[in-house]
């Protein structure tokens, strides 16, 4: 009896190990991002590029884990209204309020469903962390004059002043969650293509706002959220 049980366990272990496989590739796409949770976070989304690598590991014929570190451009835009010297309204112009460049480090778990011989569909979900490489902030008053963004030197937990009435503490790291849907196309014996739509939202603040204006204070933190379209070419 013990020999029979051990044989079954050994067979299951062999099948599990045999089903495991690695795949490697490059990934690119674009972000549709927004900074939220503050009155000065911006009211329009910003389009940004993303580029990185991707490593997948198949646990079995359905489940897989994915690791895809990427350079990611995020931020938000805002629209402001002008008046000329006669007081006439000029159509609003949009400018980048926040420009944020991150190194993203996401992990996700997916479940593949076979739709056809060379086509699979999968939902996925996971967690991410991100390191802020560079940031710039455009002050609204200055933008009304010349649209020149004010560069911000990032120091961890260092209060950064912007003018006389506002400032914020910028953090290098953020963490959050992600989920989405994807399609896998098998192109040949060793190459496949992944197309994914992903929603990603930070749980931590990338900056704590310390804005003081004439009638009220806003000490709410800034958070990132984005929608991304990603395309990956994988070798397996």
C-alpha atoms as a PDB file:
ATOM      1  CA  UNK A   1       0.000   0.000   0.000  1.00  0.00           C
ATOM      2  CA  UNK A   2       2.806   2.398   0.930  1.00  0.00           C
ATOM      3  CA  UNK A   3       4.605   1.596  -2.328  1.00  0.00           C
ATOM      4  CA  UNK A   4       1.416   2.439  -4.263  1.00  0.00           C
ATOM      5  CA  UNK A   5       0.982   5.764  -2.435  1.00  0.00           C
ATOM      6  CA  UNK A   6       4.626   6.717  -2.899  1.00  0.00           C
ATOM      7  CA  UNK A   7       4.381   5.863  -6.602  1.00  0.00           C
ATOM      8  CA  UNK A   8       1.339   8.119  -7.009  1.00  0.00           C
ATOM      9  CA  UNK A   9       3.040  11.008  -5.197  1.00  0.00           C
ATOM     10  CA  UNK A  10       6.178  10.571  -7.265  1.00  0.00           C
ATOM     11  CA  UNK A  11       4.130  10.581 -10.467  1.00  0.00           C
ATOM     12  CA  UNK A  12       2.260  13.721  -9.418  1.00  0.00           C
ATOM     13  CA  UNK A  13       5.542  15.428  -8.555  1.00  0.00           C
ATOM     14  CA  UNK A  14       7.013  14.488 -11.947  1.00  0.00           C
ATOM     15  CA  UNK A  15       3.980  15.828 -13.812  1.00  0.00           C
ATOM     16  CA  UNK A  16       4.069  19.055 -11.805  1.00  0.00           C
ATOM     17  CA  UNK A  17       7.770  19.619 -12.455  1.00  0.00           C
ATOM     18  CA  UNK A  18       7.380  18.715 -16.117  1.00  0.00           C
ATOM     19  CA  UNK A  19       4.628  21.308 -16.501  1.00  0.00           C
ATOM     20  CA  UNK A  20       6.785  24.069 -15.048  1.00  0.00           C
ATOM     21  CA  UNK A  21       8.539  26.234 -17.614  1.00  0.00           C
ATOM     22  CA  UNK A  22      10.160  29.626 -17.970  1.00  0.00           C
ATOM     23  CA  UNK A  23       9.597  32.283 -20.616  1.00  0.00           C
ATOM     24  CA  UNK A  24      11.472  35.549 -21.133  1.00  0.00           C
ATOM     25  CA  UNK A  25      10.827  38.623 -23.205  1.00  0.00           C
ATOM     26  CA  UNK A  26      10.577  42.384 -23.664  1.00  0.00           C
ATOM     27  CA  UNK A  27       7.500  44.441 -22.903  1.00  0.00           C
ATOM     28  CA  UNK A  28       6.302  47.898 -23.901  1.00  0.00           C
ATOM     29  CA  UNK A  29       3.099  49.898 -23.807  1.00  0.00           C
ATOM     30  CA  UNK A  30       1.572  53.112 -22.517  1.00  0.00           C
ATOM     31  CA  UNK A  31       0.009  54.455 -19.320  1.00  0.00           C
ATOM     32  CA  UNK A  32      -3.127  56.522 -18.858  1.00  0.00           C
ATOM     33  CA  UNK A  33      -2.379  57.910 -15.397  1.00  0.00           C
ATOM     34  CA  UNK A  34      -3.753  60.339 -12.830  1.00  0.00           C
ATOM     35  CA  UNK A  35      -2.705  61.716  -9.447  1.00  0.00           C
ATOM     36  CA  UNK A  36      -5.601  61.544  -6.992  1.00  0.00           C
ATOM     37  CA  UNK A  37      -6.697  62.432  -3.465  1.00  0.00           C
ATOM     38  CA  UNK A  38      -5.786  66.120  -3.499  1.00  0.00           C
ATOM     39  CA  UNK A  39      -7.362  69.343  -4.692  1.00  0.00           C
ATOM     40  CA  UNK A  40      -4.106  70.047  -6.524  1.00  0.00           C
ATOM     41  CA  UNK A  41      -3.642  66.554  -7.937  1.00  0.00           C
ATOM     42  CA  UNK A  42      -4.849  67.547 -11.373  1.00  0.00           C
ATOM     43  CA  UNK A  43      -8.104  66.932 -13.211  1.00  0.00           C
ATOM     44  CA  UNK A  44      -6.895  65.303 -16.427  1.00  0.00           C
ATOM     45  CA  UNK A  45      -5.074  62.079 -17.191  1.00  0.00           C
ATOM     46  CA  UNK A  46      -1.562  62.011 -18.613  1.00  0.00           C
ATOM     47  CA  UNK A  47      -0.325  59.638 -21.325  1.00  0.00           C
ATOM     48  CA  UNK A  48       3.092  58.075 -20.715  1.00  0.00           C
ATOM     49  CA  UNK A  49       5.283  55.311 -22.100  1.00  0.00           C
ATOM     50  CA  UNK A  50       6.436  52.138 -20.386  1.00  0.00           C
ATOM     51  CA  UNK A  51       9.261  49.789 -21.339  1.00  0.00           C
ATOM     52  CA  UNK A  52      10.772  46.781 -19.603  1.00  0.00           C
ATOM     53  CA  UNK A  53      11.372  43.058 -19.486  1.00  0.00           C
ATOM     54  CA  UNK A  54       9.105  40.191 -18.492  1.00  0.00           C
ATOM     55  CA  UNK A  55       9.754  36.788 -16.923  1.00  0.00           C
ATOM     56  CA  UNK A  56       6.947  34.202 -16.606  1.00  0.00           C
ATOM     57  CA  UNK A  57       6.983  30.900 -14.757  1.00  0.00           C
ATOM     58  CA  UNK A  58       4.286  28.308 -15.469  1.00  0.00           C
ATOM     59  CA  UNK A  59       3.259  26.464 -12.303  1.00  0.00           C
ATOM     60  CA  UNK A  60       1.066  24.065 -14.282  1.00  0.00           C
ATOM     61  CA  UNK A  61      -1.012  24.181 -17.465  1.00  0.00           C
ATOM     62  CA  UNK A  62      -3.245  26.935 -16.034  1.00  0.00           C
ATOM     63  CA  UNK A  63      -1.501  28.924 -13.304  1.00  0.00           C
ATOM     64  CA  UNK A  64       1.536  31.124 -13.868  1.00  0.00           C
ATOM     65  CA  UNK A  65       3.424  33.861 -12.076  1.00  0.00           C
ATOM     66  CA  UNK A  66       4.867  36.917 -13.796  1.00  0.00           C
ATOM     67  CA  UNK A  67       7.629  39.397 -12.926  1.00  0.00           C
ATOM     68  CA  UNK A  68       7.961  42.445 -15.185  1.00  0.00           C
ATOM     69  CA  UNK A  69      10.202  45.319 -14.032  1.00  0.00           C
ATOM     70  CA  UNK A  70       9.573  48.385 -16.203  1.00  0.00           C
ATOM     71  CA  UNK A  71      10.404  52.044 -16.667  1.00  0.00           C
ATOM     72  CA  UNK A  72       7.091  53.882 -16.396  1.00  0.00           C
ATOM     73  CA  UNK A  73       6.076  57.486 -17.131  1.00  0.00           C
ATOM     74  CA  UNK A  74       3.166  58.731 -15.012  1.00  0.00           C
ATOM     75  CA  UNK A  75       1.626  61.944 -13.725  1.00  0.00           C
ATOM     76  CA  UNK A  76      -1.401  64.145 -14.293  1.00  0.00           C
ATOM     77  CA  UNK A  77      -2.407  67.220 -16.250  1.00  0.00           C
ATOM     78  CA  UNK A  78      -4.557  70.213 -15.481  1.00  0.00           C
ATOM     79  CA  UNK A  79      -6.441  72.756 -17.550  1.00  0.00           C
ATOM     80  CA  UNK A  80      -6.304  76.453 -16.734  1.00  0.00           C
ATOM     81  CA  UNK A  81      -8.311  79.343 -18.102  1.00  0.00           C
ATOM     82  CA  UNK A  82      -6.743  82.598 -19.270  1.00  0.00           C
ATOM     83  CA  UNK A  83      -8.078  86.111 -19.660  1.00  0.00           C
ATOM     84  CA  UNK A  84      -6.531  88.702 -21.931  1.00  0.00           C
ATOM     85  CA  UNK A  85      -5.903  92.339 -21.035  1.00  0.00           C
ATOM     86  CA  UNK A  86      -9.519  93.214 -21.906  1.00  0.00           C
ATOM     87  CA  UNK A  87     -10.903  90.517 -19.607  1.00  0.00           C
ATOM     88  CA  UNK A  88     -11.991  88.213 -22.406  1.00  0.00           C
ATOM     89  CA  UNK A  89     -11.749  84.484 -21.706  1.00  0.00           C
ATOM     90  CA  UNK A  90      -9.189  82.513 -23.702  1.00  0.00           C
ATOM     91  CA  UNK A  91      -9.916  78.775 -24.232  1.00  0.00           C
ATOM     92  CA  UNK A  92      -8.298  76.646 -21.486  1.00  0.00           C
ATOM     93  CA  UNK A  93      -4.887  75.138 -22.148  1.00  0.00           C
ATOM     94  CA  UNK A  94      -3.660  71.897 -20.646  1.00  0.00           C
ATOM     95  CA  UNK A  95      -0.274  71.488 -19.002  1.00  0.00           C
ATOM     96  CA  UNK A  96       1.471  68.655 -17.137  1.00  0.00           C
ATOM     97  CA  UNK A  97       0.951  69.256 -13.440  1.00  0.00           C
ATOM     98  CA  UNK A  98       2.967  66.236 -12.269  1.00  0.00           C
ATOM     99  CA  UNK A  99       5.565  64.411 -14.361  1.00  0.00           C
ATOM    100  CA  UNK A 100       6.734  61.248 -12.587  1.00  0.00           C
ATOM    101  CA  UNK A 101       9.205  58.645 -13.836  1.00  0.00           C
ATOM    102  CA  UNK A 102       9.213  55.331 -11.977  1.00  0.00           C
ATOM    103  CA  UNK A 103      10.965  51.985 -11.980  1.00  0.00           C
ATOM    104  CA  UNK A 104       8.080  49.563 -11.374  1.00  0.00           C
ATOM    105  CA  UNK A 105       8.569  46.121  -9.818  1.00  0.00           C
ATOM    106  CA  UNK A 106       5.320  44.112 -10.127  1.00  0.00           C
ATOM    107  CA  UNK A 107       4.507  40.477  -9.323  1.00  0.00           C
ATOM    108  CA  UNK A 108       1.277  38.850 -10.465  1.00  0.00           C
ATOM    109  CA  UNK A 109      -0.521  35.506 -10.566  1.00  0.00           C
ATOM    110  CA  UNK A 110      -2.590  34.539 -13.600  1.00  0.00           C
ATOM    111  CA  UNK A 111      -4.890  31.733 -14.707  1.00  0.00           C
ATOM    112  CA  UNK A 112      -4.915  30.724 -18.394  1.00  0.00           C
ATOM    113  CA  UNK A 113      -7.979  29.461 -20.214  1.00  0.00           C
ATOM    114  CA  UNK A 114      -7.484  27.857 -23.619  1.00  0.00           C
ATOM    115  CA  UNK A 115      -9.733  29.346 -26.299  1.00  0.00           C
ATOM    116  CA  UNK A 116      -8.110  27.835 -29.375  1.00  0.00           C
ATOM    117  CA  UNK A 117      -5.004  25.888 -30.337  1.00  0.00           C
ATOM    118  CA  UNK A 118      -2.788  28.963 -30.331  1.00  0.00           C
ATOM    119  CA  UNK A 119      -4.887  31.322 -28.204  1.00  0.00           C
ATOM    120  CA  UNK A 120      -5.342  31.638 -24.434  1.00  0.00           C
ATOM    121  CA  UNK A 121      -7.210  34.139 -22.260  1.00  0.00           C
ATOM    122  CA  UNK A 122      -6.255  34.932 -18.671  1.00  0.00           C
ATOM    123  CA  UNK A 123      -7.180  37.174 -15.743  1.00  0.00           C
ATOM    124  CA  UNK A 124      -4.361  38.205 -13.432  1.00  0.00           C
ATOM    125  CA  UNK A 125      -3.835  40.082 -10.181  1.00  0.00           C
ATOM    126  CA  UNK A 126      -0.896  40.996  -8.014  1.00  0.00           C
ATOM    127  CA  UNK A 127       1.085  43.573  -6.104  1.00  0.00           C
ATOM    128  CA  UNK A 128       3.623  46.169  -7.136  1.00  0.00           C
ATOM    129  CA  UNK A 129       6.269  48.419  -5.696  1.00  0.00           C
ATOM    130  CA  UNK A 130       7.826  51.357  -7.532  1.00  0.00           C
ATOM    131  CA  UNK A 131      10.899  53.556  -7.122  1.00  0.00           C
ATOM    132  CA  UNK A 132      10.592  57.225  -8.077  1.00  0.00           C
ATOM    133  CA  UNK A 133      13.502  58.117 -10.368  1.00  0.00           C
ATOM    134  CA  UNK A 134      12.563  61.680 -11.265  1.00  0.00           C
ATOM    135  CA  UNK A 135       9.708  64.113 -10.675  1.00  0.00           C
ATOM    136  CA  UNK A 136       8.727  67.591 -11.783  1.00  0.00           C
ATOM    137  CA  UNK A 137       5.862  69.804 -10.679  1.00  0.00           C
ATOM    138  CA  UNK A 138       4.325  72.750 -12.518  1.00  0.00           C
ATOM    139  CA  UNK A 139       2.995  75.520 -10.335  1.00  0.00           C
ATOM    140  CA  UNK A 140      -0.329  76.768 -11.660  1.00  0.00           C
ATOM    141  CA  UNK A 141       0.534  80.450 -11.363  1.00  0.00           C
ATOM    142  CA  UNK A 142       3.841  80.027 -13.171  1.00  0.00           C
ATOM    143  CA  UNK A 143       2.180  77.857 -15.788  1.00  0.00           C
ATOM    144  CA  UNK A 144      -0.268  80.673 -16.509  1.00  0.00           C
ATOM    145  CA  UNK A 145       2.691  82.901 -17.263  1.00  0.00           C
ATOM    146  CA  UNK A 146       5.139  80.762 -19.171  1.00  0.00           C
ATOM    147  CA  UNK A 147       4.263  77.045 -18.868  1.00  0.00           C
ATOM    148  CA  UNK A 148       7.731  76.270 -17.553  1.00  0.00           C
ATOM    149  CA  UNK A 149       7.772  73.290 -15.208  1.00  0.00           C
ATOM    150  CA  UNK A 150       9.642  73.720 -11.971  1.00  0.00           C
ATOM    151  CA  UNK A 151      12.030  70.821 -11.417  1.00  0.00           C
ATOM    152  CA  UNK A 152      11.847  69.208  -7.991  1.00  0.00           C
ATOM    153  CA  UNK A 153      14.931  67.670  -6.417  1.00  0.00           C
ATOM    154  CA  UNK A 154      13.740  64.507  -4.702  1.00  0.00           C
ATOM    155  CA  UNK A 155      15.028  63.797  -1.215  1.00  0.00           C
ATOM    156  CA  UNK A 156      13.410  61.100   0.889  1.00  0.00           C
ATOM    157  CA  UNK A 157      11.091  62.656   3.485  1.00  0.00           C
ATOM    158  CA  UNK A 158      12.502  66.097   2.773  1.00  0.00           C
ATOM    159  CA  UNK A 159      10.041  69.000   2.732  1.00  0.00           C
ATOM    160  CA  UNK A 160      10.145  70.631  -0.700  1.00  0.00           C
ATOM    161  CA  UNK A 161       8.955  74.196  -1.016  1.00  0.00           C
ATOM    162  CA  UNK A 162       7.107  75.504  -4.036  1.00  0.00           C
ATOM    163  CA  UNK A 163       6.530  79.227  -3.651  1.00  0.00           C
ATOM    164  CA  UNK A 164       5.525  80.829  -0.358  1.00  0.00           C
ATOM    165  CA  UNK A 165       2.221  79.065   0.267  1.00  0.00           C
ATOM    166  CA  UNK A 166       2.742  75.419  -0.597  1.00  0.00           C
ATOM    167  CA  UNK A 167       5.036  72.451  -0.177  1.00  0.00           C
ATOM    168  CA  UNK A 168       4.986  68.679  -0.012  1.00  0.00           C
ATOM    169  CA  UNK A 169       7.010  65.722   1.225  1.00  0.00           C
ATOM    170  CA  UNK A 170       7.984  63.350  -1.584  1.00  0.00           C
ATOM    171  CA  UNK A 171       8.607  59.638  -0.989  1.00  0.00           C
ATOM    172  CA  UNK A 172      10.901  57.507  -3.123  1.00  0.00           C
ATOM    173  CA  UNK A 173       8.937  54.233  -2.814  1.00  0.00           C
ATOM    174  CA  UNK A 174       5.306  53.331  -3.313  1.00  0.00           C
ATOM    175  CA  UNK A 175       3.361  50.085  -3.122  1.00  0.00           C
ATOM    176  CA  UNK A 176      -0.067  48.992  -4.301  1.00  0.00           C
ATOM    177  CA  UNK A 177      -2.117  46.433  -6.195  1.00  0.00           C
ATOM    178  CA  UNK A 178      -2.897  45.613  -9.805  1.00  0.00           C
ATOM    179  CA  UNK A 179      -5.280  43.446 -11.815  1.00  0.00           C
ATOM    180  CA  UNK A 180      -6.256  42.979 -15.419  1.00  0.00           C
ATOM    181  CA  UNK A 181      -7.003  40.746 -18.393  1.00  0.00           C
ATOM    182  CA  UNK A 182      -4.705  39.336 -21.042  1.00  0.00           C
ATOM    183  CA  UNK A 183      -4.539  37.297 -24.232  1.00  0.00           C
ATOM    184  CA  UNK A 184      -1.681  34.985 -25.208  1.00  0.00           C
ATOM    185  CA  UNK A 185      -0.996  34.265 -28.891  1.00  0.00           C
ATOM    186  CA  UNK A 186       1.384  31.441 -29.700  1.00  0.00           C
ATOM    187  CA  UNK A 187       3.347  32.581 -32.752  1.00  0.00           C
ATOM    188  CA  UNK A 188       5.668  29.598 -33.242  1.00  0.00           C
ATOM    189  CA  UNK A 189       7.336  26.757 -31.412  1.00  0.00           C
ATOM    190  CA  UNK A 190       9.358  29.112 -29.218  1.00  0.00           C
ATOM    191  CA  UNK A 191       7.689  32.546 -29.417  1.00  0.00           C
ATOM    192  CA  UNK A 192       4.430  33.921 -28.054  1.00  0.00           C
ATOM    193  CA  UNK A 193       2.806  37.341 -27.778  1.00  0.00           C
ATOM    194  CA  UNK A 194       0.976  38.753 -24.742  1.00  0.00           C
ATOM    195  CA  UNK A 195      -1.507  41.635 -24.928  1.00  0.00           C
ATOM    196  CA  UNK A 196      -2.766  42.943 -21.572  1.00  0.00           C
ATOM    197  CA  UNK A 197      -5.032  45.646 -20.157  1.00  0.00           C
ATOM    198  CA  UNK A 198      -4.152  46.498 -16.567  1.00  0.00           C
ATOM    199  CA  UNK A 199      -5.454  48.691 -13.755  1.00  0.00           C
ATOM    200  CA  UNK A 200      -2.953  49.708 -11.106  1.00  0.00           C
ATOM    201  CA  UNK A 201      -3.447  51.753  -7.960  1.00  0.00           C
ATOM    202  CA  UNK A 202      -1.096  52.811  -5.193  1.00  0.00           C
ATOM    203  CA  UNK A 203      -2.018  52.230  -1.560  1.00  0.00           C
ATOM    204  CA  UNK A 204       0.768  54.490  -0.313  1.00  0.00           C
ATOM    205  CA  UNK A 205       1.183  58.219  -0.957  1.00  0.00           C
ATOM    206  CA  UNK A 206       3.960  59.286  -3.292  1.00  0.00           C
ATOM    207  CA  UNK A 207       3.802  62.719  -1.639  1.00  0.00           C
ATOM    208  CA  UNK A 208       2.123  64.278   1.385  1.00  0.00           C
ATOM    209  CA  UNK A 209       0.646  67.639   0.471  1.00  0.00           C
ATOM    210  CA  UNK A 210       1.123  70.568   2.834  1.00  0.00           C
ATOM    211  CA  UNK A 211      -0.748  73.192   0.867  1.00  0.00           C
ATOM    212  CA  UNK A 212      -1.926  76.318   2.638  1.00  0.00           C
ATOM    213  CA  UNK A 213      -4.227  78.585   0.679  1.00  0.00           C
ATOM    214  CA  UNK A 214      -6.218  81.602   1.649  1.00  0.00           C
ATOM    215  CA  UNK A 215      -9.415  79.944   2.889  1.00  0.00           C
ATOM    216  CA  UNK A 216      -8.489  76.349   3.742  1.00  0.00           C
ATOM    217  CA  UNK A 217      -5.654  73.872   4.223  1.00  0.00           C
ATOM    218  CA  UNK A 218      -5.210  70.653   2.246  1.00  0.00           C
ATOM    219  CA  UNK A 219      -2.973  68.086   3.933  1.00  0.00           C
ATOM    220  CA  UNK A 220      -4.240  65.111   1.946  1.00  0.00           C
ATOM    221  CA  UNK A 221      -1.671  62.804   0.356  1.00  0.00           C
ATOM    222  CA  UNK A 222      -1.162  62.310  -3.360  1.00  0.00           C
ATOM    223  CA  UNK A 223      -1.693  58.821  -4.796  1.00  0.00           C
ATOM    224  CA  UNK A 224      -1.005  57.378  -8.235  1.00  0.00           C
ATOM    225  CA  UNK A 225      -3.447  55.336 -10.273  1.00  0.00           C
ATOM    226  CA  UNK A 226      -3.245  54.268 -13.884  1.00  0.00           C
ATOM    227  CA  UNK A 227      -4.605  52.130 -16.682  1.00  0.00           C
ATOM    228  CA  UNK A 228      -2.019  50.486 -18.909  1.00  0.00           C
ATOM    229  CA  UNK A 229      -1.961  48.638 -22.218  1.00  0.00           C
ATOM    230  CA  UNK A 230       1.027  46.284 -22.498  1.00  0.00           C
ATOM    231  CA  UNK A 231       2.452  44.171 -25.312  1.00  0.00           C
ATOM    232  CA  UNK A 232       5.143  41.542 -24.665  1.00  0.00           C
ATOM    233  CA  UNK A 233       7.098  39.291 -27.010  1.00  0.00           C
ATOM    234  CA  UNK A 234       8.189  36.152 -25.146  1.00  0.00           C
ATOM    235  CA  UNK A 235      10.626  33.315 -25.834  1.00  0.00           C
ATOM    236  CA  UNK A 236       9.877  29.956 -24.193  1.00  0.00           C
END
